[in-house]
N, C-alpha and C. Protein backbone atom coordinates (compact mmCIF):
# COMPACT_ATOMS: atom_id res chain seq x y z
N MET A 1 14.32 17.57 3.95
CA MET A 1 13.87 16.23 4.38
C MET A 1 14.80 15.09 4.00
N GLU A 2 14.84 14.09 4.84
CA GLU A 2 15.80 13.03 4.66
C GLU A 2 15.14 11.65 4.84
N VAL A 3 15.75 10.69 4.17
CA VAL A 3 15.37 9.27 4.35
C VAL A 3 16.51 8.44 4.89
N THR A 4 16.25 7.59 5.83
CA THR A 4 17.28 6.85 6.35
C THR A 4 17.06 5.31 6.01
N TYR A 5 18.21 4.69 5.72
CA TYR A 5 18.16 3.23 5.37
C TYR A 5 19.10 2.53 6.28
N ASN A 6 18.66 1.36 6.82
CA ASN A 6 19.53 0.48 7.45
C ASN A 6 20.25 -0.46 6.43
N ILE A 7 21.49 -0.68 6.49
CA ILE A 7 22.34 -1.31 5.51
C ILE A 7 22.99 -2.59 6.15
N LYS A 8 22.74 -3.69 5.53
CA LYS A 8 23.20 -4.91 5.93
C LYS A 8 24.66 -5.19 5.34
N GLY A 9 25.66 -5.53 6.16
CA GLY A 9 26.96 -5.86 5.65
C GLY A 9 27.93 -4.69 5.74
N MET A 10 27.49 -3.53 6.26
CA MET A 10 28.33 -2.35 6.42
C MET A 10 29.06 -2.46 7.73
N VAL A 11 30.27 -2.75 7.63
CA VAL A 11 31.11 -3.19 8.92
C VAL A 11 32.30 -2.43 9.23
N CYS A 12 32.76 -1.57 8.33
CA CYS A 12 33.96 -0.87 8.55
C CYS A 12 33.96 0.54 7.97
N ASP A 13 35.06 1.31 8.24
CA ASP A 13 35.16 2.61 7.75
C ASP A 13 35.23 2.64 6.22
N ARG A 14 35.89 1.64 5.63
CA ARG A 14 35.98 1.60 4.12
C ARG A 14 34.50 1.45 3.55
N CYS A 15 33.65 0.71 4.25
CA CYS A 15 32.32 0.59 3.82
C CYS A 15 31.58 1.97 3.79
N ILE A 16 31.83 2.73 4.93
CA ILE A 16 31.17 4.10 5.05
C ILE A 16 31.62 4.92 3.77
N SER A 17 32.90 4.95 3.46
CA SER A 17 33.36 5.70 2.34
C SER A 17 32.85 5.15 1.07
N ALA A 18 32.83 3.86 0.90
CA ALA A 18 32.24 3.26 -0.41
C ALA A 18 30.84 3.58 -0.65
N VAL A 19 29.98 3.44 0.47
CA VAL A 19 28.60 3.78 0.46
C VAL A 19 28.36 5.28 0.06
N GLN A 20 29.14 6.11 0.66
CA GLN A 20 28.98 7.59 0.43
C GLN A 20 29.24 7.87 -1.06
N GLN A 21 30.37 7.22 -1.55
CA GLN A 21 30.80 7.44 -2.94
C GLN A 21 29.76 6.84 -3.97
N ALA A 22 29.18 5.66 -3.65
CA ALA A 22 28.22 5.03 -4.44
C ALA A 22 26.92 5.84 -4.59
N LEU A 23 26.54 6.36 -3.41
CA LEU A 23 25.28 7.21 -3.36
C LEU A 23 25.45 8.49 -4.07
N PHE A 24 26.65 9.12 -3.94
CA PHE A 24 26.91 10.35 -4.58
C PHE A 24 26.92 10.17 -6.13
N ALA A 25 27.50 8.97 -6.58
CA ALA A 25 27.53 8.66 -7.96
C ALA A 25 26.19 8.54 -8.63
N ILE A 26 25.16 8.13 -7.90
CA ILE A 26 23.82 8.12 -8.43
C ILE A 26 22.93 9.27 -8.11
N GLY A 27 23.62 10.35 -7.56
CA GLY A 27 22.94 11.64 -7.42
C GLY A 27 22.36 11.93 -6.06
N HIS A 28 22.80 11.24 -5.03
CA HIS A 28 22.14 11.43 -3.74
C HIS A 28 23.16 12.07 -2.85
N GLN A 29 22.70 13.06 -2.02
CA GLN A 29 23.46 13.71 -0.97
C GLN A 29 23.41 13.07 0.36
N VAL A 30 24.49 12.49 0.80
CA VAL A 30 24.45 11.83 2.14
C VAL A 30 24.44 12.91 3.26
N THR A 31 23.45 12.84 4.17
CA THR A 31 23.45 13.84 5.27
C THR A 31 24.06 13.24 6.51
N ARG A 32 23.96 11.91 6.77
CA ARG A 32 24.47 11.22 7.92
C ARG A 32 24.88 9.92 7.51
N ILE A 33 26.05 9.36 8.07
CA ILE A 33 26.30 8.07 7.67
C ILE A 33 27.13 7.39 8.90
N TYR A 34 26.67 6.17 9.27
CA TYR A 34 27.27 5.42 10.42
C TYR A 34 27.33 4.00 9.88
N LEU A 35 28.04 3.18 10.70
CA LEU A 35 28.04 1.79 10.33
C LEU A 35 26.66 1.27 10.38
N GLY A 36 26.15 0.72 9.22
CA GLY A 36 24.85 0.10 9.28
C GLY A 36 23.66 1.01 8.94
N GLU A 37 24.02 2.32 8.82
CA GLU A 37 22.94 3.28 8.62
C GLU A 37 23.40 4.44 7.79
N VAL A 38 22.50 4.88 6.88
CA VAL A 38 22.85 6.06 5.97
C VAL A 38 21.53 6.86 5.85
N SER A 39 21.70 8.20 5.90
CA SER A 39 20.57 9.06 5.62
C SER A 39 20.96 9.95 4.47
N ILE A 40 19.94 10.09 3.48
CA ILE A 40 20.17 10.90 2.37
C ILE A 40 19.16 12.01 2.26
N LYS A 41 19.53 13.10 1.69
CA LYS A 41 18.68 14.27 1.55
C LYS A 41 17.73 14.05 0.41
N THR A 42 16.44 14.42 0.64
CA THR A 42 15.43 14.21 -0.52
C THR A 42 14.89 15.65 -0.72
N GLU A 43 14.46 15.80 -1.87
CA GLU A 43 13.80 17.06 -2.34
C GLU A 43 12.29 16.81 -2.44
N GLY A 44 11.72 16.26 -1.43
CA GLY A 44 10.26 16.05 -1.43
C GLY A 44 9.76 14.81 -2.14
N VAL A 45 10.68 14.16 -2.92
CA VAL A 45 10.37 13.03 -3.78
C VAL A 45 11.09 11.84 -3.08
N GLN A 46 10.38 10.79 -2.89
CA GLN A 46 10.94 9.54 -2.40
C GLN A 46 12.02 8.94 -3.32
N PRO A 47 13.23 8.75 -2.81
CA PRO A 47 14.26 8.13 -3.65
C PRO A 47 13.83 6.73 -4.26
N ASP A 48 14.44 6.48 -5.38
CA ASP A 48 14.16 5.12 -6.01
C ASP A 48 14.93 4.10 -5.35
N THR A 49 14.36 3.38 -4.51
CA THR A 49 14.97 2.31 -3.65
C THR A 49 15.74 1.34 -4.49
N SER A 50 15.11 0.99 -5.63
CA SER A 50 15.82 -0.07 -6.49
C SER A 50 17.11 0.38 -7.00
N THR A 51 17.24 1.70 -7.31
CA THR A 51 18.54 2.15 -7.74
C THR A 51 19.67 2.21 -6.64
N ILE A 52 19.12 2.55 -5.40
CA ILE A 52 19.96 2.51 -4.37
C ILE A 52 20.40 1.15 -3.98
N GLU A 53 19.48 0.26 -4.02
CA GLU A 53 19.75 -1.20 -3.80
C GLU A 53 20.76 -1.71 -4.77
N SER A 54 20.63 -1.41 -5.98
CA SER A 54 21.53 -1.78 -6.99
C SER A 54 22.94 -1.26 -6.75
N ALA A 55 23.02 0.02 -6.38
CA ALA A 55 24.39 0.61 -6.07
C ALA A 55 25.01 -0.12 -4.88
N LEU A 56 24.27 -0.43 -3.81
CA LEU A 56 24.85 -1.04 -2.69
C LEU A 56 25.09 -2.45 -3.00
N SER A 57 24.32 -3.12 -3.83
CA SER A 57 24.63 -4.57 -4.19
C SER A 57 25.93 -4.74 -4.89
N SER A 58 26.34 -3.72 -5.56
CA SER A 58 27.60 -3.82 -6.30
C SER A 58 28.81 -3.84 -5.33
N LEU A 59 28.46 -3.39 -4.06
CA LEU A 59 29.51 -3.33 -2.97
C LEU A 59 29.40 -4.51 -2.11
N GLY A 60 28.43 -5.33 -2.35
CA GLY A 60 28.12 -6.49 -1.57
C GLY A 60 27.36 -6.15 -0.33
N LEU A 61 26.60 -5.09 -0.38
CA LEU A 61 25.74 -4.59 0.73
C LEU A 61 24.24 -4.66 0.26
N SER A 62 23.36 -4.55 1.21
CA SER A 62 21.89 -4.55 0.88
C SER A 62 21.15 -3.67 1.98
N ILE A 63 19.98 -3.25 1.52
CA ILE A 63 19.11 -2.45 2.48
C ILE A 63 18.47 -3.58 3.26
N LEU A 64 18.42 -3.27 4.59
CA LEU A 64 17.61 -4.17 5.53
C LEU A 64 16.22 -3.60 5.46
N GLU A 65 15.28 -4.52 5.18
CA GLU A 65 13.83 -4.10 5.24
C GLU A 65 13.31 -4.36 6.63
N ASP A 66 12.55 -3.36 7.00
CA ASP A 66 11.81 -3.50 8.29
C ASP A 66 10.68 -4.59 8.13
N LYS A 67 10.86 -5.63 8.83
CA LYS A 67 9.79 -6.82 8.66
C LYS A 67 8.32 -6.31 8.77
N GLN A 68 8.12 -5.42 9.75
CA GLN A 68 6.72 -4.97 9.96
C GLN A 68 6.25 -4.07 8.75
N ALA A 69 7.16 -3.27 8.26
CA ALA A 69 6.80 -2.48 7.01
C ALA A 69 6.52 -3.38 5.75
N LYS A 70 7.35 -4.47 5.71
CA LYS A 70 7.19 -5.33 4.64
C LYS A 70 5.89 -6.04 4.68
N ILE A 71 5.40 -6.43 5.90
CA ILE A 71 4.12 -7.21 6.03
C ILE A 71 3.00 -6.19 5.77
N ILE A 72 3.11 -4.97 6.18
CA ILE A 72 2.05 -3.97 5.92
C ILE A 72 1.91 -3.73 4.44
N LYS A 73 3.00 -3.53 3.81
CA LYS A 73 2.98 -3.45 2.33
C LYS A 73 2.32 -4.70 1.63
N GLN A 74 2.61 -5.84 2.15
CA GLN A 74 1.96 -7.18 1.58
C GLN A 74 0.57 -7.05 1.80
N VAL A 75 0.16 -6.64 3.00
CA VAL A 75 -1.32 -6.55 3.17
C VAL A 75 -1.92 -5.62 2.30
N LYS A 76 -1.43 -4.47 2.09
CA LYS A 76 -1.99 -3.47 1.19
C LYS A 76 -2.07 -3.94 -0.20
N ASP A 77 -0.96 -4.66 -0.59
CA ASP A 77 -0.92 -5.20 -1.92
C ASP A 77 -2.07 -6.27 -2.24
N VAL A 78 -2.26 -7.12 -1.19
CA VAL A 78 -3.38 -8.04 -1.27
C VAL A 78 -4.69 -7.45 -1.30
N VAL A 79 -4.91 -6.41 -0.50
CA VAL A 79 -6.23 -5.67 -0.47
C VAL A 79 -6.42 -4.96 -1.87
N ALA A 80 -5.39 -4.34 -2.40
CA ALA A 80 -5.47 -3.76 -3.63
C ALA A 80 -5.81 -4.72 -4.82
N ASN A 81 -5.19 -5.94 -4.72
CA ASN A 81 -5.40 -6.98 -5.75
C ASN A 81 -6.77 -7.49 -5.60
N VAL A 82 -7.26 -7.77 -4.48
CA VAL A 82 -8.54 -8.36 -4.16
C VAL A 82 -9.60 -7.36 -4.59
N TYR A 83 -9.51 -6.06 -4.35
CA TYR A 83 -10.54 -5.17 -4.60
C TYR A 83 -10.24 -4.27 -5.87
N SER A 84 -9.42 -4.88 -6.79
CA SER A 84 -9.11 -4.16 -8.01
C SER A 84 -10.31 -4.05 -9.03
N GLY A 85 -11.30 -4.97 -8.82
CA GLY A 85 -12.28 -5.07 -9.83
C GLY A 85 -12.13 -6.32 -10.73
N ASP A 86 -10.94 -6.98 -10.58
CA ASP A 86 -10.63 -8.02 -11.52
C ASP A 86 -10.36 -9.33 -10.82
N PHE A 87 -10.58 -9.44 -9.49
CA PHE A 87 -10.41 -10.55 -8.65
C PHE A 87 -11.59 -11.51 -8.85
N ASP A 88 -11.26 -12.80 -8.92
CA ASP A 88 -12.26 -13.87 -9.11
C ASP A 88 -12.66 -14.35 -7.66
N PHE A 89 -13.71 -13.78 -7.14
CA PHE A 89 -14.00 -14.24 -5.69
C PHE A 89 -14.52 -15.61 -5.56
N PRO A 90 -13.96 -16.43 -4.88
CA PRO A 90 -14.53 -17.83 -4.61
C PRO A 90 -15.84 -17.72 -3.85
N TYR A 91 -16.59 -18.73 -3.88
CA TYR A 91 -17.84 -18.62 -3.22
C TYR A 91 -17.81 -18.38 -1.73
N THR A 92 -16.89 -18.90 -1.04
CA THR A 92 -16.83 -18.64 0.49
C THR A 92 -15.61 -17.79 0.74
N PHE A 93 -15.43 -16.66 0.02
CA PHE A 93 -14.24 -15.86 0.20
C PHE A 93 -14.18 -15.18 1.55
N ARG A 94 -13.01 -15.16 2.18
CA ARG A 94 -12.73 -14.42 3.33
C ARG A 94 -11.36 -13.71 3.15
N LEU A 95 -11.30 -12.43 3.30
CA LEU A 95 -10.03 -11.66 3.15
C LEU A 95 -9.03 -12.21 4.25
N SER A 96 -9.57 -12.40 5.48
CA SER A 96 -8.69 -12.90 6.51
C SER A 96 -8.04 -14.21 6.16
N ALA A 97 -8.75 -15.19 5.61
CA ALA A 97 -8.21 -16.47 5.18
C ALA A 97 -7.13 -16.21 4.10
N LEU A 98 -7.39 -15.42 3.14
CA LEU A 98 -6.46 -15.16 2.06
C LEU A 98 -5.25 -14.54 2.58
N LEU A 99 -5.36 -13.60 3.46
CA LEU A 99 -4.11 -12.89 4.10
C LEU A 99 -3.33 -13.94 4.88
N GLN A 100 -4.01 -14.80 5.61
CA GLN A 100 -3.37 -15.84 6.40
C GLN A 100 -2.53 -16.72 5.52
N GLU A 101 -3.23 -17.17 4.38
CA GLU A 101 -2.60 -18.08 3.48
C GLU A 101 -1.37 -17.45 2.75
N GLN A 102 -1.55 -16.25 2.34
CA GLN A 102 -0.48 -15.60 1.46
C GLN A 102 0.68 -15.12 2.37
N LEU A 103 0.47 -14.59 3.48
CA LEU A 103 1.51 -14.13 4.42
C LEU A 103 1.98 -15.23 5.29
N ARG A 104 1.35 -16.32 5.35
CA ARG A 104 1.74 -17.39 6.34
C ARG A 104 1.96 -16.95 7.76
N LYS A 105 0.99 -16.19 8.19
CA LYS A 105 0.93 -15.67 9.58
C LYS A 105 -0.47 -15.82 10.09
N ASP A 106 -0.71 -15.78 11.34
CA ASP A 106 -1.92 -15.81 11.96
C ASP A 106 -2.66 -14.49 11.74
N TYR A 107 -3.96 -14.54 11.40
CA TYR A 107 -4.60 -13.32 10.95
C TYR A 107 -4.67 -12.32 12.10
N ASP A 108 -4.79 -12.81 13.37
CA ASP A 108 -4.93 -11.89 14.55
C ASP A 108 -3.66 -11.11 14.71
N ALA A 109 -2.57 -11.77 14.39
CA ALA A 109 -1.19 -11.14 14.51
C ALA A 109 -1.04 -10.14 13.33
N ILE A 110 -1.51 -10.50 12.12
CA ILE A 110 -1.41 -9.59 10.98
C ILE A 110 -2.18 -8.34 11.30
N SER A 111 -3.51 -8.57 11.75
CA SER A 111 -4.43 -7.50 12.10
C SER A 111 -3.92 -6.46 13.15
N ALA A 112 -3.29 -7.06 14.24
CA ALA A 112 -2.77 -6.34 15.32
C ALA A 112 -1.54 -5.45 14.86
N MET A 113 -0.80 -6.05 14.04
CA MET A 113 0.41 -5.36 13.50
C MET A 113 0.00 -4.19 12.57
N PHE A 114 -1.00 -4.44 11.69
CA PHE A 114 -1.55 -3.51 10.78
C PHE A 114 -2.11 -2.38 11.60
N SER A 115 -2.96 -2.66 12.54
CA SER A 115 -3.53 -1.59 13.31
C SER A 115 -2.52 -0.70 14.05
N ALA A 116 -1.50 -1.32 14.63
CA ALA A 116 -0.46 -0.62 15.34
C ALA A 116 0.25 0.29 14.41
N ALA A 117 0.58 -0.19 13.25
CA ALA A 117 1.39 0.52 12.31
C ALA A 117 0.64 1.76 11.56
N GLU A 118 -0.62 1.38 11.32
CA GLU A 118 -1.40 2.32 10.41
C GLU A 118 -2.39 3.17 11.18
N GLY A 119 -2.73 2.83 12.44
CA GLY A 119 -3.71 3.64 13.20
C GLY A 119 -5.16 3.37 12.76
N ILE A 120 -5.37 2.35 12.00
CA ILE A 120 -6.72 2.03 11.58
C ILE A 120 -6.83 0.49 11.49
N THR A 121 -7.91 -0.14 11.83
CA THR A 121 -8.04 -1.54 11.78
C THR A 121 -7.97 -2.06 10.36
N LEU A 122 -7.47 -3.27 10.17
CA LEU A 122 -7.35 -3.76 8.82
C LEU A 122 -8.75 -3.87 8.27
N GLU A 123 -9.75 -4.29 8.89
CA GLU A 123 -11.09 -4.36 8.45
C GLU A 123 -11.56 -2.94 7.92
N SER A 124 -11.35 -1.90 8.64
CA SER A 124 -11.69 -0.53 8.29
C SER A 124 -10.95 -0.15 7.02
N TYR A 125 -9.62 -0.47 6.93
CA TYR A 125 -8.84 -0.16 5.80
C TYR A 125 -9.43 -0.83 4.60
N ALA A 126 -9.81 -2.04 4.61
CA ALA A 126 -10.34 -2.82 3.56
C ALA A 126 -11.61 -2.27 3.11
N ILE A 127 -12.51 -1.86 4.08
CA ILE A 127 -13.80 -1.26 3.71
C ILE A 127 -13.66 0.02 3.02
N ASN A 128 -12.72 0.89 3.61
CA ASN A 128 -12.43 2.15 2.98
C ASN A 128 -11.86 2.03 1.56
N TYR A 129 -11.00 1.03 1.41
CA TYR A 129 -10.43 0.79 0.05
C TYR A 129 -11.60 0.44 -0.93
N ARG A 130 -12.38 -0.47 -0.50
CA ARG A 130 -13.55 -0.86 -1.29
C ARG A 130 -14.45 0.21 -1.62
N MET A 131 -14.82 1.11 -0.74
CA MET A 131 -15.65 2.27 -0.96
C MET A 131 -15.06 3.24 -1.99
N ASN A 132 -13.76 3.35 -1.87
CA ASN A 132 -13.10 4.31 -2.88
C ASN A 132 -13.09 3.71 -4.20
N LYS A 133 -12.99 2.30 -4.33
CA LYS A 133 -13.17 1.66 -5.61
C LYS A 133 -14.61 1.85 -6.17
N VAL A 134 -15.61 1.69 -5.27
CA VAL A 134 -17.03 1.90 -5.66
C VAL A 134 -17.06 3.33 -6.22
N LYS A 135 -16.51 4.40 -5.56
CA LYS A 135 -16.65 5.74 -6.06
C LYS A 135 -16.00 5.82 -7.46
N GLU A 136 -14.88 5.11 -7.53
CA GLU A 136 -14.05 5.17 -8.79
C GLU A 136 -14.90 4.67 -9.89
N PHE A 137 -15.59 3.50 -9.65
CA PHE A 137 -16.41 2.86 -10.67
C PHE A 137 -17.60 3.79 -10.98
N LEU A 138 -18.14 4.37 -10.01
CA LEU A 138 -19.30 5.19 -10.24
C LEU A 138 -19.03 6.43 -11.02
N GLU A 139 -17.85 7.01 -10.80
CA GLU A 139 -17.42 8.16 -11.46
C GLU A 139 -16.91 7.92 -12.85
N HIS A 140 -16.20 6.85 -13.08
CA HIS A 140 -15.44 6.71 -14.32
C HIS A 140 -15.98 5.58 -15.28
N THR A 141 -17.02 4.88 -14.85
CA THR A 141 -17.55 3.80 -15.69
C THR A 141 -19.04 3.91 -15.88
N ASP A 142 -19.57 3.13 -16.78
CA ASP A 142 -21.01 3.13 -16.92
C ASP A 142 -21.47 1.83 -16.33
N SER A 143 -20.77 1.10 -15.51
CA SER A 143 -21.10 -0.11 -14.90
C SER A 143 -22.32 0.04 -14.08
N THR A 144 -23.20 -1.05 -14.02
CA THR A 144 -24.34 -1.06 -13.22
C THR A 144 -23.94 -1.40 -11.77
N LEU A 145 -24.83 -0.98 -10.89
CA LEU A 145 -24.51 -1.27 -9.47
C LEU A 145 -24.33 -2.77 -9.21
N SER A 146 -25.09 -3.58 -9.88
CA SER A 146 -24.92 -5.03 -9.73
C SER A 146 -23.59 -5.48 -10.18
N ASP A 147 -23.07 -4.92 -11.34
CA ASP A 147 -21.76 -5.30 -11.87
C ASP A 147 -20.65 -4.84 -10.90
N ILE A 148 -20.84 -3.63 -10.30
CA ILE A 148 -19.82 -3.07 -9.37
C ILE A 148 -19.89 -3.93 -8.12
N ALA A 149 -20.98 -4.31 -7.62
CA ALA A 149 -21.04 -5.24 -6.49
C ALA A 149 -20.38 -6.51 -6.73
N PHE A 150 -20.68 -7.11 -7.85
CA PHE A 150 -20.06 -8.43 -8.24
C PHE A 150 -18.52 -8.28 -8.39
N ARG A 151 -17.99 -7.24 -8.98
CA ARG A 151 -16.55 -7.04 -9.21
C ARG A 151 -15.81 -6.79 -7.98
N LEU A 152 -16.52 -6.25 -6.93
CA LEU A 152 -15.86 -5.85 -5.60
C LEU A 152 -16.21 -6.82 -4.52
N GLY A 153 -16.89 -7.92 -4.89
CA GLY A 153 -17.17 -9.00 -3.80
C GLY A 153 -18.30 -8.72 -2.80
N PHE A 154 -19.23 -7.76 -3.17
CA PHE A 154 -20.35 -7.52 -2.34
C PHE A 154 -21.38 -8.62 -2.58
N ASN A 155 -22.18 -8.99 -1.51
CA ASN A 155 -23.17 -10.08 -1.67
C ASN A 155 -24.23 -9.65 -2.71
N SER A 156 -24.54 -8.36 -2.86
CA SER A 156 -25.60 -7.88 -3.80
C SER A 156 -25.46 -6.34 -3.94
N ALA A 157 -26.16 -5.90 -4.92
CA ALA A 157 -26.26 -4.41 -5.09
C ALA A 157 -26.82 -3.71 -3.86
N ALA A 158 -27.81 -4.33 -3.29
CA ALA A 158 -28.41 -3.85 -2.04
C ALA A 158 -27.42 -3.74 -0.92
N HIS A 159 -26.63 -4.80 -0.78
CA HIS A 159 -25.53 -4.80 0.27
C HIS A 159 -24.53 -3.64 -0.05
N LEU A 160 -24.12 -3.49 -1.31
CA LEU A 160 -23.24 -2.31 -1.65
C LEU A 160 -23.86 -1.01 -1.29
N SER A 161 -25.12 -0.76 -1.74
CA SER A 161 -25.80 0.35 -1.53
C SER A 161 -25.87 0.75 -0.11
N LYS A 162 -26.21 -0.22 0.81
CA LYS A 162 -26.32 0.02 2.22
C LYS A 162 -25.07 0.45 2.87
N GLN A 163 -23.99 -0.34 2.44
CA GLN A 163 -22.71 0.05 3.09
C GLN A 163 -22.15 1.43 2.54
N PHE A 164 -22.47 1.69 1.27
CA PHE A 164 -22.09 3.00 0.75
C PHE A 164 -22.79 4.12 1.49
N LYS A 165 -24.03 3.91 1.66
CA LYS A 165 -24.81 4.96 2.34
C LYS A 165 -24.37 5.14 3.82
N ASP A 166 -24.04 4.05 4.39
CA ASP A 166 -23.50 4.07 5.83
C ASP A 166 -22.12 4.78 5.88
N MET A 167 -21.30 4.64 4.92
CA MET A 167 -19.99 5.16 4.93
C MET A 167 -19.95 6.64 4.48
N THR A 168 -20.79 6.99 3.43
CA THR A 168 -20.78 8.34 2.85
C THR A 168 -21.85 9.22 3.23
N GLY A 169 -22.96 8.58 3.67
CA GLY A 169 -24.15 9.41 3.97
C GLY A 169 -24.96 9.66 2.73
N LEU A 170 -24.58 9.15 1.49
CA LEU A 170 -25.25 9.38 0.25
C LEU A 170 -25.64 8.06 -0.37
N THR A 171 -26.70 8.15 -1.15
CA THR A 171 -27.08 6.93 -2.03
C THR A 171 -26.08 6.91 -3.14
N THR A 172 -25.86 5.79 -3.76
CA THR A 172 -25.05 5.65 -4.90
C THR A 172 -25.43 6.53 -6.01
N GLY A 173 -26.74 6.62 -6.25
CA GLY A 173 -27.32 7.46 -7.31
C GLY A 173 -27.10 8.89 -7.05
N HIS A 174 -27.31 9.36 -5.83
CA HIS A 174 -27.01 10.73 -5.45
C HIS A 174 -25.56 11.08 -5.67
N TYR A 175 -24.65 10.15 -5.28
CA TYR A 175 -23.25 10.43 -5.43
C TYR A 175 -22.93 10.57 -6.86
N LYS A 176 -23.45 9.74 -7.65
CA LYS A 176 -23.14 9.82 -9.16
C LYS A 176 -23.67 11.14 -9.75
N LEU A 177 -24.84 11.54 -9.34
CA LEU A 177 -25.45 12.76 -9.78
C LEU A 177 -24.59 13.96 -9.35
N ILE A 178 -24.13 14.00 -8.15
CA ILE A 178 -23.22 15.15 -7.62
C ILE A 178 -22.01 15.14 -8.56
N LYS A 179 -21.41 13.97 -8.81
CA LYS A 179 -20.19 13.97 -9.52
C LYS A 179 -20.48 14.43 -10.94
N GLN A 180 -21.59 14.10 -11.55
CA GLN A 180 -21.85 14.53 -12.94
C GLN A 180 -22.12 16.03 -13.01
N LYS A 181 -22.79 16.60 -11.97
CA LYS A 181 -22.91 18.03 -11.86
C LYS A 181 -21.62 18.75 -11.81
N LYS A 182 -20.66 18.20 -11.04
CA LYS A 182 -19.32 18.87 -11.00
C LYS A 182 -18.53 18.87 -12.24
N VAL A 183 -18.78 17.71 -12.97
CA VAL A 183 -18.07 17.61 -14.33
C VAL A 183 -18.55 18.72 -15.30
N TYR A 184 -19.96 18.99 -15.24
CA TYR A 184 -20.55 19.80 -16.25
C TYR A 184 -20.58 21.23 -15.71
N ALA A 185 -20.07 21.50 -14.42
CA ALA A 185 -20.27 22.75 -13.91
C ALA A 185 -19.06 23.67 -14.35
């Protein structure tokens, strides 16, 4: 398997040689290298981009980030932060408004880009993320359903329960019971 990086500032044959030597020095095997692009062999583990960036920086070069990938990562980071269980939800909270504000882009554009890149709507991604957090809280804490609902921005425990049942086909109580049986089995 290999990973390919686009490199800013790589303009001559000496750059090719310097990049190849720098990557070899930090333990990477270059499989292909052209002006502005390098591919390195991976052993199933994603390379440490910050180490590569540091090696390239010493040569006056940098990795070009795909703008779309950067926005998708930012969206996922905002969703993870909001539904971490520690976010202080304002009274009239809307994820769409927060994303628009933090990414400084129109929500429809963000949503369309996310759907195209991830193959799932942004709304579905956020709901799935929230449901996984509900499962995590049910499995690993003694929090009440009301507390979980509050921490994850649901209107009420009833709202959480209905959405959980719609998504999983199980009640929250039944889910917790199944998980407890698996632990003791």
